[in-house]
Amino acid sequence: MDLETIWHQFLNSLQAEEHVRDAKVQKRAGIPFLYVESNLSRDELEYSIRKWSARAMRGKRLHSETIFFRSSEDLSVYRHRFYVPQEKMFCCGNLCPDCVRFK
């Protein structure tokens, strides 16, 4: 699974929003930061980010995490990442108490 295609789809969808002027991602110290220029309120913008990240992840075993970082005038910065959940995905045969067979 290539996360670059997920990011590309997410950013294109977010930029297509009516009140979003620009959205881009930059990595600082290995952490992806999402820069969004918009005149939406913080709640509306976070709803749009959640909506488009969910659509970009549809059909894949991914999760997203969005944490507000800072804002100034029309620019909002979020720490946003897509990640694979850290859980067992197969049975190893050792009769583990958290085996996927028990779910």
Protein backbone atom coordinates (compact mmCIF):
# COMPACT_ATOMS: atom_id res chain seq x y z
CA MET A 1 0.00 0.00 0.00
CA ASP A 2 1.43 3.33 -1.06
CA LEU A 3 0.67 6.17 1.32
CA GLU A 4 1.64 8.74 -1.31
CA THR A 5 -1.48 7.92 -3.33
CA ILE A 6 -3.60 8.22 -0.18
CA TRP A 7 -2.06 11.63 0.59
CA HIS A 8 -2.52 12.77 -3.02
CA GLN A 9 -6.19 11.77 -3.07
CA PHE A 10 -6.79 13.37 0.35
CA LEU A 11 -5.13 16.68 -0.58
CA ASN A 12 -6.91 16.89 -3.95
CA SER A 13 -10.28 16.34 -2.27
CA LEU A 14 -9.55 18.84 0.48
CA GLN A 15 -8.42 21.48 -2.01
CA ALA A 16 -11.66 20.97 -3.98
CA GLU A 17 -13.66 22.17 -0.96
CA GLU A 18 -15.38 25.47 -1.66
CA HIS A 19 -13.90 27.45 1.25
CA VAL A 20 -10.41 25.92 1.21
CA ARG A 21 -7.94 28.03 -0.74
CA ASP A 22 -4.88 25.81 -0.35
CA ALA A 23 -3.86 22.61 1.40
CA LYS A 24 -0.40 21.10 1.45
CA VAL A 25 1.67 18.75 3.55
CA GLN A 26 5.25 19.27 4.69
CA LYS A 27 7.38 16.91 6.72
CA ARG A 28 9.35 18.38 9.59
CA ALA A 29 11.58 15.96 11.52
CA GLY A 30 9.73 13.08 9.88
CA ILE A 31 6.31 14.28 11.08
CA PRO A 32 3.76 15.31 8.43
CA PHE A 33 2.17 18.71 9.04
CA LEU A 34 -0.94 19.74 7.14
CA TYR A 35 -1.12 23.44 6.23
CA VAL A 36 -4.62 24.60 5.27
CA GLU A 37 -5.58 28.11 4.13
CA SER A 38 -9.30 28.52 4.70
CA ASN A 39 -11.91 30.90 6.02
CA LEU A 40 -13.84 28.07 7.71
CA SER A 41 -14.16 27.85 11.46
CA ARG A 42 -11.92 25.39 13.26
CA ASP A 43 -14.75 22.87 13.81
CA GLU A 44 -15.87 23.01 10.17
CA LEU A 45 -12.31 22.61 8.93
CA GLU A 46 -11.65 19.63 11.21
CA TYR A 47 -14.89 18.04 10.00
CA SER A 48 -13.74 18.44 6.38
CA ILE A 49 -10.33 16.95 7.20
CA ARG A 50 -11.96 13.94 8.89
CA LYS A 51 -14.43 13.50 6.03
CA TRP A 52 -11.85 13.56 3.24
CA SER A 53 -9.31 11.42 5.11
CA ALA A 54 -12.04 8.80 5.69
CA ARG A 55 -12.87 8.80 1.99
CA ALA A 56 -9.19 8.50 1.04
CA MET A 57 -8.78 5.52 3.40
CA ARG A 58 -11.97 3.74 2.27
CA GLY A 59 -11.33 0.06 1.56
CA LYS A 60 -7.89 0.05 3.17
CA ARG A 61 -6.74 -0.97 6.65
CA LEU A 62 -5.64 2.49 7.70
CA HIS A 63 -6.38 4.96 10.46
CA SER A 64 -5.80 8.68 10.58
CA GLU A 65 -4.86 11.01 13.38
CA THR A 66 -5.32 14.77 13.27
CA ILE A 67 -4.02 17.03 16.04
CA PHE A 68 -4.42 20.79 15.96
CA PHE A 69 -1.05 22.51 16.14
CA ARG A 70 -1.50 26.26 15.60
CA SER A 71 -3.30 28.87 13.54
CA SER A 72 -2.77 32.42 12.38
CA GLU A 73 -5.43 34.38 10.53
CA ASP A 74 -6.55 32.08 7.65
CA LEU A 75 -3.76 29.48 7.99
CA SER A 76 -4.29 26.43 10.22
CA VAL A 77 -1.63 23.85 10.91
CA TYR A 78 -2.40 20.26 11.93
CA ARG A 79 -0.25 17.28 12.65
CA HIS A 80 -1.98 14.76 10.39
CA ARG A 81 -0.91 11.24 9.62
CA PHE A 82 -2.20 8.03 8.10
CA TYR A 83 -1.03 4.86 9.79
CA VAL A 84 -1.57 1.11 9.80
CA PRO A 85 -3.11 -0.13 13.06
CA GLN A 86 -0.78 -2.12 15.27
CA GLU A 87 -2.79 -5.25 15.82
CA LYS A 88 -2.38 -8.87 14.91
CA MET A 89 -3.73 -9.66 11.48
CA PHE A 90 -3.18 -13.43 11.40
CA CYS A 91 -3.10 -16.43 13.73
CA CYS A 92 0.43 -17.54 14.61
CA GLY A 93 -0.73 -20.83 16.18
CA ASN A 94 0.61 -20.10 19.69
CA LEU A 95 -2.86 -19.85 21.29
CA CYS A 96 -2.38 -16.17 22.19
CA PRO A 97 -5.12 -14.57 24.34
CA ASP A 98 -5.54 -11.76 21.78
CA CYS A 99 -5.76 -14.08 18.77
CA VAL A 100 -7.64 -12.79 15.75
CA ARG A 101 -9.70 -15.99 15.78
CA PHE A 102 -11.44 -14.83 18.97
CA LYS A 103 -12.75 -11.58 17.44
